[in-house]
Amino acid sequence: MADAVAEQIAALKDGDWAVREEAAVALGTLRDPRAVAPLVSILRDSDRAVREAAIGALTAIGEPSVPALGLCLSDPQLAVQEAASAVLASIADERVLAPLITALANRDWIVRMHAAKALGRIKDQDSIEPLIPLLQDRVKAVREEATAALAAIGDAAVPSLLTALTHSDWLVRLHAVEALGKMRSAVAVEPLLSALFNDHDAAVREDVIRALGQIGDGRAVEFLVMVMKEPGLRPLAVEALGQLGDRRAVPVLIKVLEGVDRPEESRVVAGCGDKWDEEMVTMAAAVRSLGVLGDDAAIPSLMHALRQTVTRAEAAVSLARFGSKVIAPLLAVLSQETDDNVRFHAKETLAKVGWRPGRI
């Protein structure tokens, strides 16, 4: 009886690149561990399509490919290292922990990027300290994968990330903040609040607000209200207040919509033709946050926002979150309002909350 795997392995040596490519694809479909070594060998093939087919096949075979690919991380050819790291980013396990950690120092950024992603998959705490320096890598994609990997590792990475909040390089601080936000670590709240008021870099402070919103700890409420007074931070703080889920923020957000404590000057925001300022962005964020918080006290303010061009679309979405509670006020809008745009959004919201003509 013919051995299909053996036949396709033999075809990997054919002089025609198309035959080699087709054989690699077939071996990926068959997923036989016997094909691992032959497929690894054609990672050096002169034809790109053949190499890509080998990468796909090794990924499909999965776990049996891992040890051989780990050895490829030290191959003399950078192209082989890149290919091996790309596959390991999807299938790596603890057997290749050591070579992946070594690969974090590779001169090729593609290898560093994939190695970081693979380590995030393995989630071993031994990779924490080697990953930290990559937070200041010259390549953004590498920094992002290192950040994601540290976040994936979880609690064991928190002490190192908290230390990184005081690093001299702003990029390290920035990505440490991002990782802590992704981890939703309650332990990080107070150090992040310290960074919010003490860090000298605007980008870091902005990301601190985003991270506090992701963590969702009520301890941040009063501090976010304080930084709402700062241009640039105001819209982000309003958005984060909604994410915290703390209803103490409701009256603050209502005041935003009412124009209370509005900054004397509001920075212009780049747009597509129309002139927008930061306060318009802030009001839209307040509408979204009130919808997320779901406090009935916000309904009258959201109804008013429905009549404003700047906040109308967001108000319609937020009102729909309240369900049947908004049917009566929306019907009142339909009976009084002559603006077709307002009527359109009112009808659309009524439909979303289950109202149909003739039935309340």
Protein backbone atom coordinates (compact mmCIF):
# COMPACT_ATOMS: atom_id res chain seq x y z
CA MET A 1 0.00 0.00 0.00
CA ALA A 2 1.39 3.42 -0.98
CA ASP A 3 2.65 5.65 1.83
CA ALA A 4 1.29 9.12 1.03
CA VAL A 5 3.52 10.82 3.60
CA ALA A 6 6.68 9.20 2.24
CA GLU A 7 5.68 10.15 -1.31
CA GLN A 8 5.20 13.80 -0.38
CA ILE A 9 8.45 13.88 1.60
CA ALA A 10 10.26 12.59 -1.49
CA ALA A 11 8.56 15.28 -3.59
CA LEU A 12 10.13 17.97 -1.40
CA LYS A 13 13.37 17.30 -3.30
CA ASP A 14 11.85 17.72 -6.75
CA GLY A 15 13.55 20.17 -9.09
CA ASP A 16 10.28 21.99 -9.77
CA TRP A 17 9.44 24.56 -7.08
CA ALA A 18 5.72 24.12 -7.71
CA VAL A 19 5.96 20.42 -6.94
CA ARG A 20 7.90 21.15 -3.73
CA GLU A 21 5.31 23.73 -2.70
CA GLU A 22 2.42 21.34 -3.37
CA ALA A 23 4.16 18.60 -1.40
CA ALA A 24 4.67 20.90 1.61
CA VAL A 25 1.01 21.89 1.56
CA ALA A 26 -0.03 18.23 1.38
CA LEU A 27 2.19 17.34 4.34
CA GLY A 28 0.54 20.09 6.34
CA THR A 29 -2.81 18.48 5.59
CA LEU A 30 -1.55 15.01 6.53
CA ARG A 31 0.01 16.30 9.79
CA ASP A 32 2.38 13.37 10.20
CA PRO A 33 5.33 13.95 12.59
CA ARG A 34 7.64 12.16 10.15
CA ALA A 35 7.45 15.23 7.94
CA VAL A 36 8.90 17.65 10.51
CA ALA A 37 12.61 17.21 9.71
CA PRO A 38 12.11 17.28 5.91
CA LEU A 39 9.93 20.38 6.19
CA VAL A 40 12.48 22.11 8.40
CA SER A 41 15.11 21.43 5.75
CA ILE A 42 13.14 23.33 3.09
CA LEU A 43 12.96 26.42 5.26
CA ARG A 44 16.23 27.05 3.40
CA ASP A 45 14.59 26.58 -0.02
CA SER A 46 15.48 29.20 -2.64
CA ASP A 47 11.81 29.77 -3.47
CA ARG A 48 9.71 31.92 -1.16
CA ALA A 49 6.45 30.09 -1.91
CA VAL A 50 8.04 26.80 -0.90
CA ARG A 51 9.34 28.29 2.35
CA GLU A 52 5.93 29.74 3.18
CA ALA A 53 4.27 26.40 2.46
CA ALA A 54 6.75 24.73 4.85
CA ILE A 55 5.93 27.29 7.54
CA GLY A 56 2.23 26.60 7.12
CA ALA A 57 2.78 22.83 7.24
CA LEU A 58 4.93 22.94 10.38
CA THR A 59 2.33 25.13 12.06
CA ALA A 60 -0.39 22.65 11.11
CA ILE A 61 1.61 19.69 12.45
CA GLY A 62 1.99 21.63 15.69
CA GLU A 63 3.48 20.13 18.86
CA PRO A 64 5.81 17.59 17.16
CA SER A 65 7.46 20.51 15.28
CA VAL A 66 8.43 22.47 18.38
CA PRO A 67 11.83 20.94 19.35
CA ALA A 68 13.22 21.08 15.81
CA LEU A 69 12.10 24.67 15.39
CA GLY A 70 13.78 25.58 18.66
CA LEU A 71 17.08 24.40 17.20
CA CYS A 72 16.43 26.55 14.12
CA LEU A 73 16.53 29.69 16.26
CA SER A 74 20.33 29.42 16.21
CA ASP A 75 20.59 28.56 12.50
CA PRO A 76 23.27 30.51 10.60
CA GLN A 77 20.63 31.82 8.16
CA LEU A 78 18.51 34.66 9.47
CA ALA A 79 15.69 33.64 7.12
CA VAL A 80 15.50 30.26 8.86
CA GLN A 81 15.50 31.92 12.28
CA GLU A 82 12.66 34.20 11.16
CA ALA A 83 10.62 31.31 9.81
CA ALA A 84 11.13 29.19 12.93
CA SER A 85 10.25 32.03 15.28
CA ALA A 86 7.12 32.82 13.24
CA VAL A 87 5.86 29.26 13.69
CA LEU A 88 6.82 29.13 17.36
CA ALA A 89 4.81 32.30 17.96
CA SER A 90 1.75 30.09 17.39
CA ILE A 91 2.79 26.69 18.76
CA ALA A 92 5.65 27.18 21.27
CA ASP A 93 5.73 25.39 24.61
CA GLU A 94 8.11 25.18 27.57
CA ARG A 95 10.49 22.85 25.72
CA VAL A 96 11.84 25.83 23.78
CA LEU A 97 11.80 28.36 26.62
CA ALA A 98 15.58 28.72 26.75
CA PRO A 99 16.19 29.27 23.02
CA LEU A 100 13.31 31.74 22.86
CA ILE A 101 14.75 33.77 25.74
CA THR A 102 18.08 33.82 23.93
CA ALA A 103 16.28 34.95 20.76
CA LEU A 104 15.05 38.08 22.52
CA ALA A 105 18.56 39.46 21.98
CA ASN A 106 18.63 38.53 18.29
CA ARG A 107 19.89 41.26 15.93
CA ASP A 108 16.88 40.60 13.68
CA TRP A 109 13.79 42.47 14.96
CA ILE A 110 11.45 39.96 13.34
CA VAL A 111 12.96 37.17 15.42
CA ARG A 112 12.75 39.29 18.58
CA MET A 113 9.11 40.10 17.87
CA HIS A 114 8.05 36.48 17.31
CA ALA A 115 10.12 35.26 20.27
CA ALA A 116 8.34 37.71 22.56
CA LYS A 117 4.95 36.56 21.27
CA ALA A 118 5.93 32.91 21.78
CA LEU A 119 7.00 33.63 25.36
CA GLY A 120 3.65 35.26 25.99
CA ARG A 121 2.11 32.00 24.88
CA ILE A 122 4.29 29.95 27.27
CA LYS A 123 3.74 32.34 30.23
CA ASP A 124 6.81 31.28 32.19
CA GLN A 125 8.02 33.75 34.81
CA ASP A 126 11.66 33.09 33.87
CA SER A 127 11.07 35.18 30.76
CA ILE A 128 9.95 38.31 32.67
CA GLU A 129 13.33 39.94 33.23
CA PRO A 130 14.58 39.22 29.68
CA LEU A 131 11.37 40.73 28.26
CA ILE A 132 11.61 44.01 30.19
CA PRO A 133 14.48 45.46 28.06
CA LEU A 134 12.35 44.96 24.95
CA LEU A 135 9.96 47.61 26.23
CA GLN A 136 12.51 50.11 24.87
CA ASP A 137 13.27 48.23 21.65
CA ARG A 138 13.81 50.52 18.67
CA VAL A 139 11.03 48.70 16.78
CA LYS A 140 7.46 49.39 17.86
CA ALA A 141 6.17 45.92 16.94
CA VAL A 142 8.74 44.33 19.24
CA ARG A 143 7.78 46.66 22.11
CA GLU A 144 4.10 45.82 21.61
CA GLU A 145 4.67 42.05 21.62
CA ALA A 146 6.85 42.30 24.74
CA THR A 147 4.10 44.31 26.43
CA ALA A 148 1.48 41.74 25.48
CA ALA A 149 3.72 38.89 26.66
CA LEU A 150 4.27 40.46 30.09
CA ALA A 151 0.53 41.05 30.41
CA ALA A 152 -0.12 37.41 29.49
CA ILE A 153 2.33 36.16 32.13
CA GLY A 154 0.17 37.90 34.71
CA ASP A 155 0.72 38.48 38.42
CA ALA A 156 4.31 37.26 38.44
CA ALA A 157 5.22 40.14 36.11
CA VAL A 158 3.63 42.87 38.24
CA PRO A 159 6.65 43.67 40.49
CA SER A 160 8.95 44.12 37.48
CA LEU A 161 6.38 46.27 35.69
CA LEU A 162 5.87 48.44 38.78
CA THR A 163 9.62 48.97 38.93
CA ALA A 164 9.57 49.89 35.24
CA LEU A 165 7.14 52.74 36.02
CA THR A 166 10.13 54.71 37.31
CA HIS A 167 12.52 53.83 34.45
CA SER A 168 14.42 56.73 32.91
CA ASP A 169 13.23 55.83 29.38
CA TRP A 170 9.68 57.04 28.75
CA LEU A 171 9.03 54.17 26.33
CA VAL A 172 9.67 51.64 29.09
CA ARG A 173 7.28 53.49 31.39
CA LEU A 174 4.68 53.76 28.62
CA HIS A 175 4.65 50.04 27.84
CA ALA A 176 4.77 49.08 31.50
CA VAL A 177 1.58 51.12 31.97
CA GLU A 178 -0.03 49.41 28.97
CA ALA A 179 0.82 45.95 30.31
CA LEU A 180 -0.55 46.75 33.75
CA GLY A 181 -3.77 47.99 32.19
CA LYS A 182 -4.17 44.84 30.13
CA MET A 183 -3.60 42.74 33.24
CA ARG A 184 -6.27 44.70 35.15
CA SER A 185 -4.05 44.50 38.20
CA ALA A 186 -5.63 46.12 41.27
CA VAL A 187 -2.18 46.20 42.89
CA ALA A 188 -1.12 48.66 40.19
CA VAL A 189 -3.79 51.29 40.95
CA GLU A 190 -1.87 53.36 43.49
CA PRO A 191 1.45 53.29 41.57
CA LEU A 192 -0.44 54.30 38.43
CA LEU A 193 -2.12 57.16 40.28
CA SER A 194 1.33 58.30 41.38
CA ALA A 195 2.50 58.21 37.76
CA LEU A 196 -0.58 60.14 36.70
CA PHE A 197 0.46 63.13 38.79
CA ASN A 198 4.24 62.79 38.71
CA ASP A 199 5.31 61.52 35.31
CA HIS A 200 6.66 64.26 33.06
CA ASP A 201 5.68 62.65 29.77
CA ALA A 202 2.23 63.44 28.34
CA ALA A 203 1.93 60.13 26.47
CA VAL A 204 2.64 58.15 29.64
CA ARG A 205 0.02 60.12 31.61
CA GLU A 206 -2.54 59.55 28.85
CA ASP A 207 -1.89 55.82 28.91
CA VAL A 208 -2.14 55.80 32.71
CA ILE A 209 -5.72 57.09 32.38
CA ARG A 210 -6.52 54.39 29.82
CA ALA A 211 -5.00 51.74 32.12
CA LEU A 212 -7.01 52.96 35.12
CA GLY A 213 -10.16 52.69 33.02
CA GLN A 214 -9.26 49.13 32.02
CA ILE A 215 -8.60 48.12 35.63
CA GLY A 216 -11.95 49.58 36.72
CA ASP A 217 -11.11 50.29 40.35
CA GLY A 218 -13.26 52.90 42.11
CA ARG A 219 -10.23 54.31 43.94
CA ALA A 220 -9.41 56.22 40.77
CA VAL A 221 -12.68 58.21 40.60
CA GLU A 222 -11.71 61.35 42.50
CA PHE A 223 -8.30 61.50 40.85
CA LEU A 224 -9.75 61.24 37.36
CA VAL A 225 -12.16 64.04 38.24
CA MET A 226 -9.15 66.14 39.22
CA VAL A 227 -7.30 65.62 35.94
CA MET A 228 -10.43 66.44 33.95
CA LYS A 229 -9.31 70.05 34.35
CA GLU A 230 -6.22 69.45 32.21
CA PRO A 231 -6.40 69.96 28.42
CA GLY A 232 -5.53 66.76 26.62
CA LEU A 233 -6.43 64.56 29.58
CA ARG A 234 -10.04 65.68 29.93
CA PRO A 235 -11.68 63.46 27.26
CA LEU A 236 -9.66 60.42 28.35
CA ALA A 237 -10.59 60.93 32.01
CA VAL A 238 -14.29 61.20 31.14
CA GLU A 239 -14.11 57.98 29.10
CA ALA A 240 -12.31 56.19 31.93
CA LEU A 241 -14.91 57.31 34.48
CA GLY A 242 -17.50 55.33 32.57
CA GLN A 243 -15.29 52.24 32.55
CA LEU A 244 -14.84 52.32 36.32
CA GLY A 245 -18.52 51.49 36.83
CA ASP A 246 -18.74 53.75 39.87
CA ARG A 247 -21.93 55.83 39.99
CA ARG A 248 -20.21 58.61 41.89
CA ALA A 249 -19.12 59.72 38.44
CA VAL A 250 -22.70 60.28 37.22
CA PRO A 251 -23.21 63.85 38.51
CA VAL A 252 -19.75 64.82 37.26
CA LEU A 253 -20.56 63.54 33.78
CA ILE A 254 -23.96 65.25 33.76
CA LYS A 255 -22.21 68.54 34.53
CA VAL A 256 -20.02 68.01 31.48
CA LEU A 257 -23.13 67.83 29.31
CA GLU A 258 -24.60 70.88 31.03
CA GLY A 259 -21.46 72.90 30.38
CA VAL A 260 -20.68 73.32 34.07
CA ASP A 261 -16.98 73.93 34.82
CA ARG A 262 -16.25 73.97 31.11
CA PRO A 263 -12.65 75.04 30.40
CA GLU A 264 -12.30 78.65 29.25
CA GLU A 265 -10.35 77.46 26.22
CA SER A 266 -10.68 74.17 24.40
CA ARG A 267 -8.06 72.87 22.01
CA VAL A 268 -8.93 72.31 18.37
CA VAL A 269 -9.11 68.66 17.38
CA ALA A 270 -8.08 67.61 13.89
CA GLY A 271 -11.02 66.44 11.82
CA CYS A 272 -12.19 65.88 8.27
CA GLY A 273 -13.30 69.36 7.31
CA ASP A 274 -15.47 70.27 10.31
CA LYS A 275 -13.95 72.23 13.17
CA TRP A 276 -14.08 70.26 16.40
CA ASP A 277 -12.68 71.21 19.75
CA GLU A 278 -11.71 69.05 22.69
CA GLU A 279 -14.85 69.89 24.64
CA MET A 280 -17.01 68.45 21.87
CA VAL A 281 -15.01 65.22 22.12
CA THR A 282 -15.36 65.33 25.91
CA MET A 283 -19.15 65.72 25.72
CA ALA A 284 -19.43 62.74 23.39
CA ALA A 285 -17.28 60.72 25.81
CA ALA A 286 -19.54 61.78 28.70
CA VAL A 287 -22.60 60.55 26.81
CA ARG A 288 -20.97 57.17 26.21
CA SER A 289 -19.89 56.88 29.84
CA LEU A 290 -23.36 57.69 31.14
CA GLY A 291 -24.75 54.97 28.93
CA VAL A 292 -22.26 52.47 30.33
CA LEU A 293 -23.00 53.46 33.93
CA GLY A 294 -26.75 53.04 33.37
CA ASP A 295 -27.98 55.35 36.13
CA ASP A 296 -31.57 56.51 35.55
CA ALA A 297 -30.61 60.00 36.74
CA ALA A 298 -28.75 60.42 33.46
CA ILE A 299 -31.79 59.91 31.20
CA PRO A 300 -32.92 63.58 31.08
CA SER A 301 -29.38 64.71 30.21
CA LEU A 302 -29.09 62.06 27.52
CA MET A 303 -32.45 63.14 26.09
CA HIS A 304 -31.08 66.66 25.85
CA ALA A 305 -27.90 65.31 24.22
CA LEU A 306 -30.12 63.62 21.61
CA ARG A 307 -31.09 67.08 20.38
CA GLN A 308 -27.47 68.24 20.00
CA THR A 309 -25.63 67.60 16.72
CA VAL A 310 -22.34 66.89 18.46
CA THR A 311 -23.72 64.20 20.78
CA ARG A 312 -26.79 62.90 18.95
CA ALA A 313 -25.45 59.59 17.64
CA GLU A 314 -23.78 58.66 20.95
CA ALA A 315 -26.89 59.68 22.89
CA ALA A 316 -29.07 57.38 20.81
CA VAL A 317 -26.76 54.44 21.53
CA SER A 318 -26.57 55.23 25.26
CA LEU A 319 -30.33 55.68 25.61
CA ALA A 320 -30.91 52.27 24.05
CA ARG A 321 -29.00 50.73 26.96
CA PHE A 322 -31.81 51.79 29.34
CA GLY A 323 -34.44 49.65 27.61
CA SER A 324 -38.12 50.37 28.14
CA LYS A 325 -37.39 53.22 30.58
CA VAL A 326 -36.74 55.59 27.68
CA ILE A 327 -39.89 54.81 25.65
CA ALA A 328 -42.05 57.52 27.21
CA PRO A 329 -39.52 60.38 26.88
CA LEU A 330 -38.66 59.33 23.31
CA LEU A 331 -42.33 59.30 22.35
CA ALA A 332 -42.57 62.81 23.78
CA VAL A 333 -39.71 63.84 21.51
CA LEU A 334 -41.54 62.43 18.49
CA SER A 335 -44.69 64.35 19.37
CA GLN A 336 -42.87 67.67 19.77
CA GLU A 337 -39.75 67.60 17.62
CA THR A 338 -39.71 68.84 14.01
CA ASP A 339 -36.02 68.17 13.24
CA ASP A 340 -35.88 65.12 10.97
CA ASN A 341 -32.47 64.04 12.27
CA VAL A 342 -33.65 64.03 15.87
CA ARG A 343 -36.83 62.17 14.90
CA PHE A 344 -34.81 59.58 12.97
CA HIS A 345 -32.58 58.79 15.96
CA ALA A 346 -35.55 58.75 18.34
CA LYS A 347 -37.38 56.23 16.14
CA GLU A 348 -34.26 54.13 15.74
CA THR A 349 -33.74 54.03 19.52
CA LEU A 350 -37.39 53.14 20.12
CA ALA A 351 -37.03 50.21 17.74
CA LYS A 352 -33.90 49.01 19.58
CA VAL A 353 -35.70 48.99 22.94
CA GLY A 354 -38.57 46.96 21.53
CA TRP A 355 -41.26 49.60 20.93
CA ARG A 356 -43.54 49.25 17.95
CA PRO A 357 -46.24 51.70 16.77
CA GLY A 358 -49.48 51.07 18.63
CA ARG A 359 -47.74 49.22 21.46
CA ILE A 360 -45.97 50.59 24.53
